[in-house]
Amino acid sequence: IKVKYRVDGVTRIFKLQSELVLGPGTLDAEIDPINGTI
């Protein structure tokens, strides 16, 4: 199953005690429901 996802996120840099906003990006995914993989 091919699905295109919008990707949004945030990562927090421990040493800087600061957050970095990620995205919006994309993930072109292929999901195999039989074998349970992505």
Full PDB file with SEQRES, HELIX, SHEET, SSBOND, CRYST1, ORIGX, SCALE, CONECT and MASTER records, all heavy atoms in Angstrom:
SEQRES   1 A   38  ILE LYS VAL LYS TYR ARG VAL ASP GLY VAL THR ARG ILE          
SEQRES   2 A   38  PHE LYS LEU GLN SER GLU LEU VAL LEU GLY PRO GLY THR          
SEQRES   3 A   38  LEU ASP ALA GLU ILE ASP PRO ILE ASN GLY THR ILE              
SHEET    1 AA1 2 LYS A   2  ILE A  13  0                                        
SHEET    2 AA1 2 SER A  18  GLU A  30 -1                                        
CRYST1    1.000    1.000    1.000  90.00  90.00  90.00 P 1           1          
ORIGX1      1.000000  0.000000  0.000000        0.00000                         
ORIGX2      0.000000  1.000000  0.000000        0.00000                         
ORIGX3      0.000000  0.000000  1.000000        0.00000                         
SCALE1      1.000000  0.000000  0.000000        0.00000                         
SCALE2      0.000000  1.000000  0.000000        0.00000                         
SCALE3      0.000000  0.000000  1.000000        0.00000                         
ATOM      1  N   ILE A   1       0.861  -1.178   0.000  1.00  0.00           N  
ATOM      2  CA  ILE A   1       0.000   0.000   0.000  1.00  0.00           C  
ATOM      3  C   ILE A   1       0.898   1.230   0.000  1.00  0.00           C  
ATOM      4  O   ILE A   1       1.706   1.414   0.910  1.00  0.00           O  
ATOM      5  CB  ILE A   1      -0.917   0.006   1.234  1.00  0.00           C  
ATOM      6  CG1 ILE A   1      -1.773  -1.268   1.259  1.00  0.00           C  
ATOM      7  CG2 ILE A   1      -1.794   1.255   1.247  1.00  0.00           C  
ATOM      8  CD1 ILE A   1      -2.557  -1.439   2.541  1.00  0.00           C  
ATOM      9  N   LYS A   2       0.757   2.056  -1.025  1.00  0.00           N  
ATOM     10  CA  LYS A   2       1.583   3.253  -1.125  1.00  0.00           C  
ATOM     11  C   LYS A   2       0.813   4.453  -0.591  1.00  0.00           C  
ATOM     12  O   LYS A   2      -0.309   4.721  -1.019  1.00  0.00           O  
ATOM     13  CB  LYS A   2       2.010   3.481  -2.575  1.00  0.00           C  
ATOM     14  CG  LYS A   2       2.935   2.383  -3.099  1.00  0.00           C  
ATOM     15  CD  LYS A   2       3.410   2.684  -4.509  1.00  0.00           C  
ATOM     16  CE  LYS A   2       4.358   1.586  -4.993  1.00  0.00           C  
ATOM     17  NZ  LYS A   2       4.871   1.847  -6.357  1.00  0.00           N  
ATOM     18  N   VAL A   3       1.444   5.139   0.363  1.00  0.00           N  
ATOM     19  CA  VAL A   3       0.818   6.291   1.001  1.00  0.00           C  
ATOM     20  C   VAL A   3       1.839   7.428   1.092  1.00  0.00           C  
ATOM     21  O   VAL A   3       3.004   7.197   1.445  1.00  0.00           O  
ATOM     22  CB  VAL A   3       0.315   5.951   2.428  1.00  0.00           C  
ATOM     23  CG1 VAL A   3      -0.444   7.136   3.020  1.00  0.00           C  
ATOM     24  CG2 VAL A   3      -0.565   4.704   2.419  1.00  0.00           C  
ATOM     25  N   LYS A   4       1.395   8.619   0.759  1.00  0.00           N  
ATOM     26  CA  LYS A   4       2.251   9.801   0.901  1.00  0.00           C  
ATOM     27  C   LYS A   4       1.826  10.530   2.176  1.00  0.00           C  
ATOM     28  O   LYS A   4       0.651  10.894   2.331  1.00  0.00           O  
ATOM     29  CB  LYS A   4       2.120  10.711  -0.314  1.00  0.00           C  
ATOM     30  CG  LYS A   4       3.163  11.833  -0.360  1.00  0.00           C  
ATOM     31  CD  LYS A   4       2.990  12.687  -1.602  1.00  0.00           C  
ATOM     32  CE  LYS A   4       4.127  13.681  -1.768  1.00  0.00           C  
ATOM     33  NZ  LYS A   4       5.383  13.032  -2.160  1.00  0.00           N  
ATOM     34  N   TYR A   5       2.781  10.742   3.071  1.00  0.00           N  
ATOM     35  CA  TYR A   5       2.496  11.387   4.347  1.00  0.00           C  
ATOM     36  C   TYR A   5       3.112  12.780   4.421  1.00  0.00           C  
ATOM     37  O   TYR A   5       4.198  13.017   3.876  1.00  0.00           O  
ATOM     38  CB  TYR A   5       3.048  10.553   5.515  1.00  0.00           C  
ATOM     39  CG  TYR A   5       2.308   9.264   5.775  1.00  0.00           C  
ATOM     40  CD1 TYR A   5       2.797   8.049   5.302  1.00  0.00           C  
ATOM     41  CD2 TYR A   5       1.124   9.267   6.504  1.00  0.00           C  
ATOM     42  CE1 TYR A   5       2.125   6.866   5.546  1.00  0.00           C  
ATOM     43  CE2 TYR A   5       0.444   8.078   6.761  1.00  0.00           C  
ATOM     44  CZ  TYR A   5       0.947   6.887   6.274  1.00  0.00           C  
ATOM     45  OH  TYR A   5       0.276   5.710   6.519  1.00  0.00           O  
ATOM     46  N   ARG A   6       2.415  13.645   5.102  1.00  0.00           N  
ATOM     47  CA  ARG A   6       3.013  14.906   5.525  1.00  0.00           C  
ATOM     48  C   ARG A   6       3.730  14.632   6.836  1.00  0.00           C  
ATOM     49  O   ARG A   6       3.224  13.913   7.701  1.00  0.00           O  
ATOM     50  CB  ARG A   6       1.937  15.970   5.713  1.00  0.00           C  
ATOM     51  CG  ARG A   6       2.455  17.223   6.390  1.00  0.00           C  
ATOM     52  CD  ARG A   6       1.411  18.308   6.449  1.00  0.00           C  
ATOM     53  NE  ARG A   6       1.804  19.357   7.387  1.00  0.00           N  
ATOM     54  CZ  ARG A   6       1.444  20.627   7.281  1.00  0.00           C  
ATOM     55  NH1 ARG A   6       0.685  21.012   6.273  1.00  0.00           N  
ATOM     56  NH2 ARG A   6       1.835  21.508   8.178  1.00  0.00           N  
ATOM     57  N   VAL A   7       4.920  15.194   6.975  1.00  0.00           N  
ATOM     58  CA  VAL A   7       5.744  14.957   8.164  1.00  0.00           C  
ATOM     59  C   VAL A   7       5.924  16.271   8.923  1.00  0.00           C  
ATOM     60  O   VAL A   7       6.446  17.250   8.376  1.00  0.00           O  
ATOM     61  CB  VAL A   7       7.126  14.377   7.784  1.00  0.00           C  
ATOM     62  CG1 VAL A   7       7.959  14.121   9.031  1.00  0.00           C  
ATOM     63  CG2 VAL A   7       6.962  13.094   6.972  1.00  0.00           C  
ATOM     64  N   ASP A   8       5.487  16.275  10.162  1.00  0.00           N  
ATOM     65  CA  ASP A   8       5.690  17.417  11.057  1.00  0.00           C  
ATOM     66  C   ASP A   8       6.323  16.904  12.339  1.00  0.00           C  
ATOM     67  O   ASP A   8       5.999  15.802  12.807  1.00  0.00           O  
ATOM     68  CB  ASP A   8       4.357  18.097  11.383  1.00  0.00           C  
ATOM     69  CG  ASP A   8       3.672  18.665  10.152  1.00  0.00           C  
ATOM     70  OD1 ASP A   8       4.047  19.764   9.719  1.00  0.00           O  
ATOM     71  OD2 ASP A   8       2.751  18.002   9.628  1.00  0.00           O  
ATOM     72  N   GLY A   9       7.210  17.708  12.907  1.00  0.00           N  
ATOM     73  CA  GLY A   9       7.831  17.250  14.138  1.00  0.00           C  
ATOM     74  C   GLY A   9       8.640  18.326  14.821  1.00  0.00           C  
ATOM     75  O   GLY A   9       8.718  19.479  14.375  1.00  0.00           O  
ATOM     76  N   VAL A  10       9.238  17.907  15.907  1.00  0.00           N  
ATOM     77  CA  VAL A  10      10.114  18.798  16.663  1.00  0.00           C  
ATOM     78  C   VAL A  10      11.174  17.943  17.351  1.00  0.00           C  
ATOM     79  O   VAL A  10      10.895  16.831  17.796  1.00  0.00           O  
ATOM     80  CB  VAL A  10       9.302  19.624  17.694  1.00  0.00           C  
ATOM     81  CG1 VAL A  10       8.610  18.707  18.712  1.00  0.00           C  
ATOM     82  CG2 VAL A  10      10.187  20.640  18.401  1.00  0.00           C  
ATOM     83  N   THR A  11      12.388  18.453  17.378  1.00  0.00           N  
ATOM     84  CA  THR A  11      13.459  17.782  18.104  1.00  0.00           C  
ATOM     85  C   THR A  11      14.039  18.760  19.117  1.00  0.00           C  
ATOM     86  O   THR A  11      14.190  19.957  18.840  1.00  0.00           O  
ATOM     87  CB  THR A  11      14.553  17.258  17.158  1.00  0.00           C  
ATOM     88  OG1 THR A  11      15.564  16.590  17.938  1.00  0.00           O  
ATOM     89  CG2 THR A  11      15.200  18.364  16.350  1.00  0.00           C  
ATOM     90  N   ARG A  12      14.317  18.241  20.288  1.00  0.00           N  
ATOM     91  CA  ARG A  12      14.871  19.080  21.352  1.00  0.00           C  
ATOM     92  C   ARG A  12      16.334  18.724  21.542  1.00  0.00           C  
ATOM     93  O   ARG A  12      16.686  17.569  21.835  1.00  0.00           O  
ATOM     94  CB  ARG A  12      14.097  18.888  22.659  1.00  0.00           C  
ATOM     95  CG  ARG A  12      14.584  19.800  23.782  1.00  0.00           C  
ATOM     96  CD  ARG A  12      13.651  19.753  24.984  1.00  0.00           C  
ATOM     97  NE  ARG A  12      14.100  20.645  26.050  1.00  0.00           N  
ATOM     98  CZ  ARG A  12      13.885  21.945  26.085  1.00  0.00           C  
ATOM     99  NH1 ARG A  12      13.228  22.539  25.092  1.00  0.00           N  
ATOM    100  NH2 ARG A  12      14.316  22.674  27.099  1.00  0.00           N  
ATOM    101  N   ILE A  13      17.199  19.734  21.339  1.00  0.00           N  
ATOM    102  CA  ILE A  13      18.649  19.543  21.480  1.00  0.00           C  
ATOM    103  C   ILE A  13      19.013  19.696  22.954  1.00  0.00           C  
ATOM    104  O   ILE A  13      18.861  20.768  23.542  1.00  0.00           O  
ATOM    105  CB  ILE A  13      19.429  20.554  20.627  1.00  0.00           C  
ATOM    106  CG1 ILE A  13      18.873  20.590  19.191  1.00  0.00           C  
ATOM    107  CG2 ILE A  13      20.912  20.208  20.627  1.00  0.00           C  
ATOM    108  CD1 ILE A  13      18.877  19.276  18.489  1.00  0.00           C  
ATOM    109  N   PHE A  14      19.490  18.611  23.535  1.00  0.00           N  
ATOM    110  CA  PHE A  14      19.705  18.583  24.980  1.00  0.00           C  
ATOM    111  C   PHE A  14      20.716  19.630  25.438  1.00  0.00           C  
ATOM    112  O   PHE A  14      20.473  20.366  26.409  1.00  0.00           O  
ATOM    113  CB  PHE A  14      20.168  17.182  25.395  1.00  0.00           C  
ATOM    114  CG  PHE A  14      20.466  17.061  26.860  1.00  0.00           C  
ATOM    115  CD1 PHE A  14      19.444  16.997  27.785  1.00  0.00           C  
ATOM    116  CD2 PHE A  14      21.782  17.007  27.319  1.00  0.00           C  
ATOM    117  CE1 PHE A  14      19.712  16.901  29.140  1.00  0.00           C  
ATOM    118  CE2 PHE A  14      22.054  16.902  28.664  1.00  0.00           C  
ATOM    119  CZ  PHE A  14      21.018  16.847  29.579  1.00  0.00           C  
ATOM    120  N   LYS A  15      21.839  19.721  24.773  1.00  0.00           N  
ATOM    121  CA  LYS A  15      22.884  20.637  25.232  1.00  0.00           C  
ATOM    122  C   LYS A  15      22.456  22.098  25.131  1.00  0.00           C  
ATOM    123  O   LYS A  15      22.826  22.923  25.985  1.00  0.00           O  
ATOM    124  CB  LYS A  15      24.172  20.423  24.424  1.00  0.00           C  
ATOM    125  CG  LYS A  15      25.050  19.300  24.953  1.00  0.00           C  
ATOM    126  CD  LYS A  15      26.394  19.326  24.238  1.00  0.00           C  
ATOM    127  CE  LYS A  15      27.353  18.305  24.822  1.00  0.00           C  
ATOM    128  NZ  LYS A  15      28.674  18.335  24.134  1.00  0.00           N  
ATOM    129  N   LEU A  16      21.690  22.412  24.110  1.00  0.00           N  
ATOM    130  CA  LEU A  16      21.270  23.801  23.907  1.00  0.00           C  
ATOM    131  C   LEU A  16      19.981  24.122  24.642  1.00  0.00           C  
ATOM    132  O   LEU A  16      19.610  25.304  24.737  1.00  0.00           O  
ATOM    133  CB  LEU A  16      21.071  24.075  22.409  1.00  0.00           C  
ATOM    134  CG  LEU A  16      22.312  23.954  21.535  1.00  0.00           C  
ATOM    135  CD1 LEU A  16      21.933  24.106  20.067  1.00  0.00           C  
ATOM    136  CD2 LEU A  16      23.360  25.001  21.940  1.00  0.00           C  
ATOM    137  N   GLN A  17      19.305  23.080  25.141  1.00  0.00           N  
ATOM    138  CA  GLN A  17      17.988  23.270  25.761  1.00  0.00           C  
ATOM    139  C   GLN A  17      17.095  24.104  24.849  1.00  0.00           C  
ATOM    140  O   GLN A  17      16.419  25.050  25.269  1.00  0.00           O  
ATOM    141  CB  GLN A  17      18.139  23.936  27.129  1.00  0.00           C  
ATOM    142  CG  GLN A  17      18.795  23.049  28.179  1.00  0.00           C  
ATOM    143  CD  GLN A  17      17.982  21.795  28.472  1.00  0.00           C  
ATOM    144  OE1 GLN A  17      16.850  21.872  28.954  1.00  0.00           O  
ATOM    145  NE2 GLN A  17      18.551  20.639  28.171  1.00  0.00           N  
ATOM    146  N   SER A  18      17.112  23.705  23.579  1.00  0.00           N  
ATOM    147  CA  SER A  18      16.382  24.451  22.556  1.00  0.00           C  
ATOM    148  C   SER A  18      15.704  23.466  21.604  1.00  0.00           C  
ATOM    149  O   SER A  18      16.213  22.357  21.376  1.00  0.00           O  
ATOM    150  CB  SER A  18      17.337  25.355  21.778  1.00  0.00           C  
ATOM    151  OG  SER A  18      16.657  26.031  20.746  1.00  0.00           O  
ATOM    152  N   GLU A  19      14.568  23.893  21.059  1.00  0.00           N  
ATOM    153  CA  GLU A  19      13.832  23.041  20.144  1.00  0.00           C  
ATOM    154  C   GLU A  19      14.013  23.487  18.699  1.00  0.00           C  
ATOM    155  O   GLU A  19      14.142  24.680  18.417  1.00  0.00           O  
ATOM    156  CB  GLU A  19      12.333  23.035  20.499  1.00  0.00           C  
ATOM    157  CG  GLU A  19      12.047  22.354  21.833  1.00  0.00           C  
ATOM    158  CD  GLU A  19      10.562  22.295  22.127  1.00  0.00           C  
ATOM    159  OE1 GLU A  19       9.797  23.038  21.466  1.00  0.00           O  
ATOM    160  OE2 GLU A  19      10.161  21.512  23.006  1.00  0.00           O  
ATOM    161  N   LEU A  20      14.007  22.500  17.820  1.00  0.00           N  
ATOM    162  CA  LEU A  20      14.139  22.744  16.394  1.00  0.00           C  
ATOM    163  C   LEU A  20      12.912  22.145  15.699  1.00  0.00           C  
ATOM    164  O   LEU A  20      12.660  20.948  15.802  1.00  0.00           O  
ATOM    165  CB  LEU A  20      15.421  22.097  15.863  1.00  0.00           C  
ATOM    166  CG  LEU A  20      15.848  22.425  14.432  1.00  0.00           C  
ATOM    167  CD1 LEU A  20      16.218  23.901  14.307  1.00  0.00           C  
ATOM    168  CD2 LEU A  20      17.013  21.535  14.014  1.00  0.00           C  
ATOM    169  N   VAL A  21      12.142  23.010  15.056  1.00  0.00           N  
ATOM    170  CA  VAL A  21      10.928  22.548  14.378  1.00  0.00           C  
ATOM    171  C   VAL A  21      11.309  21.846  13.066  1.00  0.00           C  
ATOM    172  O   VAL A  21      12.132  22.354  12.301  1.00  0.00           O  
ATOM    173  CB  VAL A  21       9.976  23.736  14.098  1.00  0.00           C  
ATOM    174  CG1 VAL A  21       8.762  23.257  13.298  1.00  0.00           C  
ATOM    175  CG2 VAL A  21       9.535  24.376  15.405  1.00  0.00           C  
ATOM    176  N   LEU A  22      10.689  20.703  12.834  1.00  0.00           N  
ATOM    177  CA  LEU A  22      10.961  19.913  11.627  1.00  0.00           C  
ATOM    178  C   LEU A  22       9.731  19.896  10.715  1.00  0.00           C  
ATOM    179  O   LEU A  22       8.610  19.684  11.174  1.00  0.00           O  
ATOM    180  CB  LEU A  22      11.317  18.470  12.009  1.00  0.00           C  
ATOM    181  CG  LEU A  22      12.469  18.289  13.003  1.00  0.00           C  
ATOM    182  CD1 LEU A  22      12.613  16.809  13.367  1.00  0.00           C  
ATOM    183  CD2 LEU A  22      13.763  18.838  12.441  1.00  0.00           C  
ATOM    184  N   GLY A  23       9.957  20.141   9.434  1.00  0.00           N  
ATOM    185  CA  GLY A  23       8.861  20.060   8.471  1.00  0.00           C  
ATOM    186  C   GLY A  23       8.183  21.394   8.231  1.00  0.00           C  
ATOM    187  O   GLY A  23       8.651  22.434   8.687  1.00  0.00           O  
ATOM    188  N   PRO A  24       7.050  21.330   7.506  1.00  0.00           N  
ATOM    189  CA  PRO A  24       6.448  20.092   7.009  1.00  0.00           C  
ATOM    190  C   PRO A  24       7.239  19.466   5.852  1.00  0.00           C  
ATOM    191  O   PRO A  24       7.585  20.144   4.898  1.00  0.00           O  
ATOM    192  CB  PRO A  24       5.059  20.531   6.528  1.00  0.00           C  
ATOM    193  CG  PRO A  24       5.225  21.993   6.218  1.00  0.00           C  
ATOM    194  CD  PRO A  24       6.255  22.512   7.167  1.00  0.00           C  
ATOM    195  N   GLY A  25       7.507  18.165   6.008  1.00  0.00           N  
ATOM    196  CA  GLY A  25       8.188  17.402   4.974  1.00  0.00           C  
ATOM    197  C   GLY A  25       7.261  16.341   4.428  1.00  0.00           C  
ATOM    198  O   GLY A  25       6.044  16.390   4.637  1.00  0.00           O  
ATOM    199  N   THR A  26       7.838  15.363   3.748  1.00  0.00           N  
ATOM    200  CA  THR A  26       7.033  14.279   3.178  1.00  0.00           C  
ATOM    201  C   THR A  26       7.711  12.929   3.388  1.00  0.00           C  
ATOM    202  O   THR A  26       8.941  12.846   3.491  1.00  0.00           O  
ATOM    203  CB  THR A  26       6.796  14.484   1.659  1.00  0.00           C  
ATOM    204  OG1 THR A  26       8.058  14.574   1.001  1.00  0.00           O  
ATOM    205  CG2 THR A  26       5.970  15.728   1.397  1.00  0.00           C  
ATOM    206  N   LEU A  27       6.886  11.916   3.443  1.00  0.00           N  
ATOM    207  CA  LEU A  27       7.362  10.534   3.481  1.00  0.00           C  
ATOM    208  C   LEU A  27       6.561   9.746   2.448  1.00  0.00           C  
ATOM    209  O   LEU A  27       5.346   9.597   2.577  1.00  0.00           O  
ATOM    210  CB  LEU A  27       7.168   9.911   4.864  1.00  0.00           C  
ATOM    211  CG  LEU A  27       7.506   8.418   4.965  1.00  0.00           C  
ATOM    212  CD1 LEU A  27       8.989   8.171   4.731  1.00  0.00           C  
ATOM    213  CD2 LEU A  27       7.074   7.842   6.318  1.00  0.00           C  
ATOM    214  N   ASP A  28       7.238   9.279   1.411  1.00  0.00           N  
ATOM    215  CA  ASP A  28       6.611   8.404   0.414  1.00  0.00           C  
ATOM    216  C   ASP A  28       6.792   6.977   0.894  1.00  0.00           C  
ATOM    217  O   ASP A  28       7.862   6.383   0.710  1.00  0.00           O  
ATOM    218  CB  ASP A  28       7.245   8.608  -0.964  1.00  0.00           C  
ATOM    219  CG  ASP A  28       6.919   9.971  -1.545  1.00  0.00           C  
ATOM    220  OD1 ASP A  28       5.729  10.311  -1.630  1.00  0.00           O  
ATOM    221  OD2 ASP A  28       7.858  10.708  -1.903  1.00  0.00           O  
ATOM    222  N   ALA A  29       5.739   6.446   1.504  1.00  0.00           N  
ATOM    223  CA  ALA A  29       5.847   5.158   2.184  1.00  0.00           C  
ATOM    224  C   ALA A  29       5.177   4.044   1.401  1.00  0.00           C  
ATOM    225  O   ALA A  29       4.218   4.266   0.651  1.00  0.00           O  
ATOM    226  CB  ALA A  29       5.208   5.254   3.574  1.00  0.00           C  
ATOM    227  N   GLU A  30       5.697   2.841   1.587  1.00  0.00           N  
ATOM    228  CA  GLU A  30       5.060   1.633   1.075  1.00  0.00           C  
ATOM    229  C   GLU A  30       4.893   0.676   2.244  1.00  0.00           C  
ATOM    230  O   GLU A  30       5.868   0.296   2.894  1.00  0.00           O  
ATOM    231  CB  GLU A  30       5.877   0.985  -0.036  1.00  0.00           C  
ATOM    232  CG  GLU A  30       5.191  -0.231  -0.636  1.00  0.00           C  
ATOM    233  CD  GLU A  30       5.833  -0.717  -1.921  1.00  0.00           C  
ATOM    234  OE1 GLU A  30       6.701   0.003  -2.459  1.00  0.00           O  
ATOM    235  OE2 GLU A  30       5.455  -1.804  -2.394  1.00  0.00           O  
ATOM    236  N   ILE A  31       3.637   0.323   2.506  1.00  0.00           N  
ATOM    237  CA  ILE A  31       3.295  -0.515   3.649  1.00  0.00           C  
ATOM    238  C   ILE A  31       2.904  -1.897   3.150  1.00  0.00           C  
ATOM    239  O   ILE A  31       2.041  -2.035   2.286  1.00  0.00           O  
ATOM    240  CB  ILE A  31       2.147   0.116   4.461  1.00  0.00           C  
ATOM    241  CG1 ILE A  31       2.566   1.496   4.987  1.00  0.00           C  
ATOM    242  CG2 ILE A  31       1.742  -0.789   5.623  1.00  0.00           C  
ATOM    243  CD1 ILE A  31       1.443   2.298   5.589  1.00  0.00           C  
ATOM    244  N   ASP A  32       3.557  -2.911   3.695  1.00  0.00           N  
ATOM    245  CA  ASP A  32       3.256  -4.298   3.345  1.00  0.00           C  
ATOM    246  C   ASP A  32       2.454  -4.911   4.496  1.00  0.00           C  
ATOM    247  O   ASP A  32       3.019  -5.280   5.529  1.00  0.00           O  
ATOM    248  CB  ASP A  32       4.551  -5.082   3.131  1.00  0.00           C  
ATOM    249  CG  ASP A  32       4.299  -6.511   2.657  1.00  0.00           C  
ATOM    250  OD1 ASP A  32       3.173  -6.998   2.842  1.00  0.00           O  
ATOM    251  OD2 ASP A  32       5.220  -7.128   2.110  1.00  0.00           O  
ATOM    252  N   PRO A  33       1.119  -5.011   4.356  1.00  0.00           N  
ATOM    253  CA  PRO A  33       0.304  -5.518   5.467  1.00  0.00           C  
ATOM    254  C   PRO A  33       0.484  -7.005   5.709  1.00  0.00           C  
ATOM    255  O   PRO A  33       0.165  -7.489   6.796  1.00  0.00           O  
ATOM    256  CB  PRO A  33      -1.138  -5.196   5.008  1.00  0.00           C  
ATOM    257  CG  PRO A  33      -1.066  -5.163   3.527  1.00  0.00           C  
ATOM    258  CD  PRO A  33       0.303  -4.655   3.177  1.00  0.00           C  
ATOM    259  N   ILE A  34       0.972  -7.743   4.704  1.00  0.00           N  
ATOM    260  CA  ILE A  34       1.160  -9.185   4.868  1.00  0.00           C  
ATOM    261  C   ILE A  34       2.376  -9.474   5.738  1.00  0.00           C  
ATOM    262  O   ILE A  34       2.320 -10.242   6.701  1.00  0.00           O  
ATOM    263  CB  ILE A  34       1.307  -9.868   3.504  1.00  0.00           C  
ATOM    264  CG1 ILE A  34       0.083  -9.574   2.625  1.00  0.00           C  
ATOM    265  CG2 ILE A  34       1.491 -11.374   3.692  1.00  0.00           C  
ATOM    266  CD1 ILE A  34      -1.227 -10.052   3.203  1.00  0.00           C  
ATOM    267  N   ASN A  35       3.494  -8.837   5.397  1.00  0.00           N  
ATOM    268  CA  ASN A  35       4.739  -9.073   6.142  1.00  0.00           C  
ATOM    269  C   ASN A  35       4.928  -8.107   7.305  1.00  0.00           C  
ATOM    270  O   ASN A  35       5.869  -8.257   8.086  1.00  0.00           O  
ATOM    271  CB  ASN A  35       5.937  -8.977   5.194  1.00  0.00           C  
ATOM    272  CG  ASN A  35       5.907 -10.048   4.126  1.00  0.00           C  
ATOM    273  OD1 ASN A  35       5.690 -11.217   4.421  1.00  0.00           O  
ATOM    274  ND2 ASN A  35       6.112  -9.665   2.875  1.00  0.00           N  
ATOM    275  N   GLY A  36       4.053  -7.095   7.393  1.00  0.00           N  
ATOM    276  CA  GLY A  36       4.147  -6.153   8.511  1.00  0.00           C  
ATOM    277  C   GLY A  36       5.378  -5.275   8.444  1.00  0.00           C  
ATOM    278  O   GLY A  36       6.097  -5.120   9.431  1.00  0.00           O  
ATOM    279  N   THR A  37       5.645  -4.688   7.266  1.00  0.00           N  
ATOM    280  CA  THR A  37       6.811  -3.820   7.122  1.00  0.00           C  
ATOM    281  C   THR A  37       6.405  -2.484   6.501  1.00  0.00           C  
ATOM    282  O   THR A  37       5.375  -2.377   5.844  1.00  0.00           O  
ATOM    283  CB  THR A  37       7.885  -4.467   6.228  1.00  0.00           C  
ATOM    284  OG1 THR A  37       7.329  -4.716   4.926  1.00  0.00           O  
ATOM    285  CG2 THR A  37       8.370  -5.777   6.845  1.00  0.00           C  
ATOM    286  N   ILE A  38       7.241  -1.495   6.711  1.00  0.00           N  
ATOM    287  CA  ILE A  38       7.062  -0.186   6.090  1.00  0.00           C  
ATOM    288  C   ILE A  38       8.425   0.320   5.646  1.00  0.00           C  
ATOM    289  O   ILE A  38       9.423   0.188   6.378  1.00  0.00           O  
ATOM    290  CB  ILE A  38       6.385   0.818   7.046  1.00  0.00           C  
ATOM    291  CG1 ILE A  38       6.219   2.189   6.352  1.00  0.00           C  
ATOM    292  CG2 ILE A  38       7.139   0.936   8.359  1.00  0.00           C  
ATOM    293  CD1 ILE A  38       5.394   3.177   7.154  1.00  0.00           C  
TER     294      ILE A  38                                                      
MASTER        0    0    0    0    2    0    0    6  293    1    0    3          
END                                                                             
